Amino acid sequence: MRNMNKKISLVVIRRLPRYYRYLGELLNQNIKRISSKELSEKMNVTASQIRQDLNCFGGFGQQGYGYNVEELYYEIGTILGLRNGYKTIIAGAGYLGHALANYAGFEKRGFKTIGIFDSDPAKIGGQAGGVTIYNVADMGDFLKENPADIGILAVPKMSTKAVVDEMVKGGIKGLLNFSYVDLDVPDDVVVENVHLSDSLMTLSYLVREKKKMSKDGGGL
């Protein structure tokens, strides 16, 4: 077990879901064990980096054996909190909100959506992904009766502050923010910002560079 007083780099934390995903794929292929070298070839991460990352949380591998895939998959899932059964609500029942509600990967990873909220009367009372859409004005009362851990923001900028304030007041401790607004929240609330257009613009740059290299004959 790792020293709980040791602060783990966020860069390392951000690589853990990728390890978890690859290990899940290995389990589906009925692969029982794998070395850091073999894992590095699949993930395009150096074997040394993999060992360093995993050593931050304790020794999971054995010299000459490698890693037990099922055990490592379970341990990383535990580190990521996937055994906690977090309850989630979504603010916004537009195209993005519907897509998020219908994404099976959330529940597969242990995140259960218990409510969706919107201000559009035409949507209230309906469902998305089998989850009821409620009036956003009733969010506070809903959270009193149905405590949740994580709030997903898929609302317009103008609505974000009021929704966030209601979520925080209702006990939400983690926010997944798709709203393109910098959030001002208490220190005990964690925010993960998701900027889809930023990722698309980064991809645009990389595609342009690849095309330029190809046109120039390739190579660095």
Protein backbone atom coordinates (compact mmCIF):
# COMPACT_ATOMS: atom_id res chain seq x y z
CA MET A 1 0.00 0.00 0.00
CA ARG A 2 1.20 3.51 -0.75
CA ASN A 3 1.90 6.19 1.82
CA MET A 4 -1.40 8.09 2.06
CA ASN A 5 0.49 11.28 2.94
CA LYS A 6 2.32 11.17 -0.39
CA LYS A 7 0.78 13.49 -2.99
CA ILE A 8 0.38 11.78 -6.35
CA SER A 9 0.91 13.87 -9.47
CA LEU A 10 -2.26 14.72 -11.39
CA VAL A 11 -0.44 13.65 -14.56
CA VAL A 12 -0.16 10.14 -13.10
CA ILE A 13 -3.81 10.15 -11.99
CA ARG A 14 -4.90 11.10 -15.51
CA ARG A 15 -3.11 8.04 -16.92
CA LEU A 16 -4.88 5.60 -14.58
CA PRO A 17 -8.19 5.50 -16.51
CA ARG A 18 -6.23 4.58 -19.64
CA TYR A 19 -4.50 1.71 -17.81
CA TYR A 20 -7.90 0.62 -16.50
CA ARG A 21 -9.43 0.64 -19.99
CA TYR A 22 -6.59 -1.36 -21.53
CA LEU A 23 -6.60 -3.89 -18.71
CA GLY A 24 -10.36 -4.31 -19.20
CA GLU A 25 -9.73 -5.08 -22.87
CA LEU A 26 -7.10 -7.66 -21.88
CA LEU A 27 -9.58 -9.33 -19.51
CA ASN A 28 -12.11 -9.54 -22.34
CA GLN A 29 -9.43 -11.34 -24.35
CA ASN A 30 -8.94 -13.76 -21.43
CA ILE A 31 -5.32 -12.62 -20.92
CA LYS A 32 -4.28 -13.51 -17.37
CA ARG A 33 -0.94 -11.74 -16.98
CA ILE A 34 1.14 -9.17 -18.77
CA SER A 35 4.58 -7.61 -18.36
CA SER A 36 5.18 -3.86 -18.26
CA LYS A 37 7.01 -4.24 -21.59
CA GLU A 38 4.02 -5.92 -23.24
CA LEU A 39 1.65 -3.36 -21.77
CA SER A 40 3.89 -0.53 -22.95
CA GLU A 41 3.76 -1.85 -26.53
CA LYS A 42 -0.04 -1.85 -26.45
CA MET A 43 -0.37 1.58 -24.84
CA ASN A 44 2.57 3.39 -26.45
CA VAL A 45 3.89 4.32 -23.00
CA THR A 46 7.34 3.27 -21.86
CA ALA A 47 7.61 0.27 -19.55
CA SER A 48 9.59 2.43 -17.14
CA GLN A 49 6.76 4.98 -17.01
CA ILE A 50 4.21 2.26 -16.31
CA ARG A 51 6.28 0.86 -13.46
CA GLN A 52 6.84 4.34 -12.00
CA ASP A 53 3.14 5.18 -12.17
CA LEU A 54 2.01 1.95 -10.53
CA ASN A 55 4.74 2.13 -7.87
CA CYS A 56 3.12 5.35 -6.66
CA PHE A 57 0.32 3.16 -5.29
CA GLY A 58 2.29 0.14 -4.15
CA GLY A 59 3.95 -2.90 -5.74
CA PHE A 60 1.50 -4.74 -7.95
CA GLY A 61 3.86 -6.71 -10.19
CA GLN A 62 6.30 -9.55 -9.57
CA GLN A 63 9.80 -9.79 -11.00
CA GLY A 64 9.81 -12.34 -13.81
CA TYR A 65 6.02 -12.66 -13.77
CA GLY A 66 4.66 -9.23 -14.58
CA TYR A 67 1.17 -8.16 -13.57
CA ASN A 68 -1.87 -10.26 -12.83
CA VAL A 69 -4.35 -8.53 -15.18
CA GLU A 70 -7.49 -9.16 -13.13
CA GLU A 71 -5.89 -8.09 -9.85
CA LEU A 72 -4.35 -4.94 -11.35
CA TYR A 73 -7.64 -4.05 -13.05
CA TYR A 74 -9.43 -4.38 -9.71
CA GLU A 75 -6.80 -2.39 -7.79
CA ILE A 76 -6.80 0.51 -10.26
CA GLY A 77 -10.59 0.54 -10.19
CA THR A 78 -10.43 0.79 -6.41
CA ILE A 79 -7.86 3.61 -6.56
CA LEU A 80 -10.12 5.50 -8.98
CA GLY A 81 -13.06 5.08 -6.60
CA LEU A 82 -15.08 2.96 -9.02
CA ARG A 83 -16.26 0.68 -6.21
CA ASN A 84 -17.96 3.57 -4.41
CA GLY A 85 -21.13 3.55 -6.49
CA TYR A 86 -21.30 7.30 -7.06
CA LYS A 87 -24.70 8.80 -7.81
CA THR A 88 -24.83 11.39 -10.56
CA ILE A 89 -27.23 14.06 -11.78
CA ILE A 90 -27.17 15.85 -15.13
CA ALA A 91 -28.17 19.50 -15.60
CA GLY A 92 -29.35 20.04 -19.16
CA ALA A 93 -31.51 17.73 -21.27
CA GLY A 94 -30.43 18.99 -24.67
CA TYR A 95 -28.50 16.99 -27.24
CA LEU A 96 -25.43 16.70 -24.99
CA GLY A 97 -27.45 15.88 -21.88
CA HIS A 98 -29.30 13.13 -23.75
CA ALA A 99 -26.05 11.72 -25.13
CA LEU A 100 -24.53 11.63 -21.64
CA ALA A 101 -27.64 10.02 -20.16
CA ASN A 102 -27.56 7.32 -22.84
CA TYR A 103 -23.84 6.60 -22.45
CA ALA A 104 -23.66 3.08 -21.04
CA GLY A 105 -20.03 3.55 -19.97
CA PHE A 106 -21.03 5.63 -16.93
CA GLU A 107 -23.04 2.90 -15.24
CA LYS A 108 -20.55 0.27 -16.34
CA ARG A 109 -17.89 2.22 -14.41
CA GLY A 110 -20.08 2.58 -11.33
CA PHE A 111 -21.66 6.01 -11.95
CA LYS A 112 -25.46 5.82 -11.67
CA THR A 113 -27.46 8.73 -13.06
CA ILE A 114 -30.46 9.30 -10.78
CA GLY A 115 -31.91 12.50 -12.24
CA ILE A 116 -31.76 14.92 -15.16
CA PHE A 117 -32.84 18.56 -14.89
CA ASP A 118 -34.03 21.10 -17.43
CA SER A 119 -36.15 24.26 -17.63
CA ASP A 120 -37.96 23.37 -20.86
CA PRO A 121 -41.59 22.40 -20.06
CA ALA A 122 -41.66 20.20 -23.17
CA LYS A 123 -38.86 18.03 -21.73
CA ILE A 124 -39.89 17.93 -18.06
CA GLY A 125 -41.54 14.64 -17.18
CA GLY A 126 -39.92 12.84 -20.07
CA GLN A 127 -36.93 10.55 -19.95
CA ALA A 128 -33.40 10.25 -21.33
CA GLY A 129 -31.51 6.98 -21.03
CA GLY A 130 -34.33 5.65 -18.85
CA VAL A 131 -33.87 8.50 -16.32
CA THR A 132 -36.63 11.00 -15.53
CA ILE A 133 -36.19 14.65 -16.50
CA TYR A 134 -37.20 17.01 -13.68
CA ASN A 135 -37.76 20.74 -13.47
CA VAL A 136 -34.44 22.41 -12.65
CA ALA A 137 -36.32 24.55 -10.13
CA ASP A 138 -36.91 21.37 -8.11
CA MET A 139 -33.24 20.34 -8.00
CA GLY A 140 -32.71 21.47 -4.41
CA ASP A 141 -35.66 19.47 -3.10
CA PHE A 142 -34.63 16.46 -5.19
CA LEU A 143 -31.12 16.46 -3.73
CA LYS A 144 -32.48 16.62 -0.18
CA GLU A 145 -34.39 13.39 -0.79
CA ASN A 146 -31.90 11.80 -3.20
CA PRO A 147 -28.32 12.74 -2.26
CA ALA A 148 -25.88 12.65 -5.16
CA ASP A 149 -22.10 12.85 -5.38
CA ILE A 150 -21.42 14.21 -8.87
CA GLY A 151 -23.12 16.82 -11.02
CA ILE A 152 -22.67 17.00 -14.79
CA LEU A 153 -23.14 20.43 -16.35
CA ALA A 154 -24.54 20.47 -19.87
CA VAL A 155 -26.31 23.82 -19.63
CA PRO A 156 -25.87 27.19 -21.39
CA LYS A 157 -23.39 29.65 -19.89
CA MET A 158 -26.11 31.93 -18.57
CA SER A 159 -27.61 29.13 -16.47
CA THR A 160 -24.39 27.69 -15.10
CA LYS A 161 -23.83 29.75 -11.94
CA ALA A 162 -27.34 29.25 -10.58
CA VAL A 163 -27.23 25.51 -11.30
CA VAL A 164 -23.78 25.10 -9.72
CA ASP A 165 -24.84 27.02 -6.62
CA GLU A 166 -27.85 24.70 -6.23
CA MET A 167 -25.74 21.60 -6.73
CA VAL A 168 -23.13 22.67 -4.19
CA LYS A 169 -25.83 23.63 -1.70
CA GLY A 170 -27.35 20.19 -2.26
CA GLY A 171 -24.13 18.42 -1.29
CA ILE A 172 -22.56 17.70 -4.70
CA LYS A 173 -18.78 17.27 -4.29
CA GLY A 174 -17.67 16.72 -7.89
CA LEU A 175 -18.59 18.64 -11.04
CA LEU A 176 -18.01 17.53 -14.63
CA ASN A 177 -18.21 20.83 -16.49
CA PHE A 178 -19.10 20.98 -20.19
CA SER A 179 -20.36 24.56 -19.92
CA TYR A 180 -17.23 26.57 -20.90
CA VAL A 181 -17.54 28.65 -17.74
CA ASP A 182 -14.83 28.93 -15.08
CA LEU A 183 -16.52 27.82 -11.88
CA ASP A 184 -16.11 29.45 -8.49
CA VAL A 185 -16.75 26.68 -5.97
CA PRO A 186 -15.73 25.89 -2.36
CA ASP A 187 -12.40 24.16 -1.77
CA ASP A 188 -14.09 20.86 -0.93
CA VAL A 189 -15.71 20.65 -4.38
CA VAL A 190 -13.70 19.20 -7.27
CA VAL A 191 -14.15 20.39 -10.86
CA GLU A 192 -13.16 18.56 -14.04
CA ASN A 193 -13.54 20.80 -17.11
CA VAL A 194 -14.30 19.22 -20.49
CA HIS A 195 -13.79 21.51 -23.50
CA LEU A 196 -14.81 19.57 -26.60
CA SER A 197 -14.03 22.39 -29.04
CA ASP A 198 -10.56 22.83 -27.49
CA SER A 199 -9.85 19.16 -28.18
CA LEU A 200 -11.15 19.54 -31.72
CA MET A 201 -8.93 22.59 -32.31
CA THR A 202 -5.91 20.69 -30.94
CA LEU A 203 -6.75 17.85 -33.31
CA SER A 204 -7.01 20.36 -36.16
CA TYR A 205 -3.50 21.59 -35.41
CA LEU A 206 -2.08 18.05 -35.30
CA VAL A 207 -3.79 17.10 -38.58
CA ARG A 208 -2.38 20.23 -40.20
CA GLU A 209 1.12 19.41 -38.96
CA LYS A 210 0.86 15.83 -40.24
CA LYS A 211 -0.22 17.08 -43.65
CA LYS A 212 2.61 19.61 -43.70
CA MET A 213 5.17 16.93 -42.81
CA SER A 214 3.79 14.63 -45.50
CA LYS A 215 3.98 17.42 -48.07
CA ASP A 216 7.56 18.26 -47.01
CA GLY A 217 8.67 14.63 -47.27
CA GLY A 218 8.14 13.56 -43.64
CA GLY A 219 10.66 13.16 -40.85
CA LEU A 220 11.73 15.54 -38.10
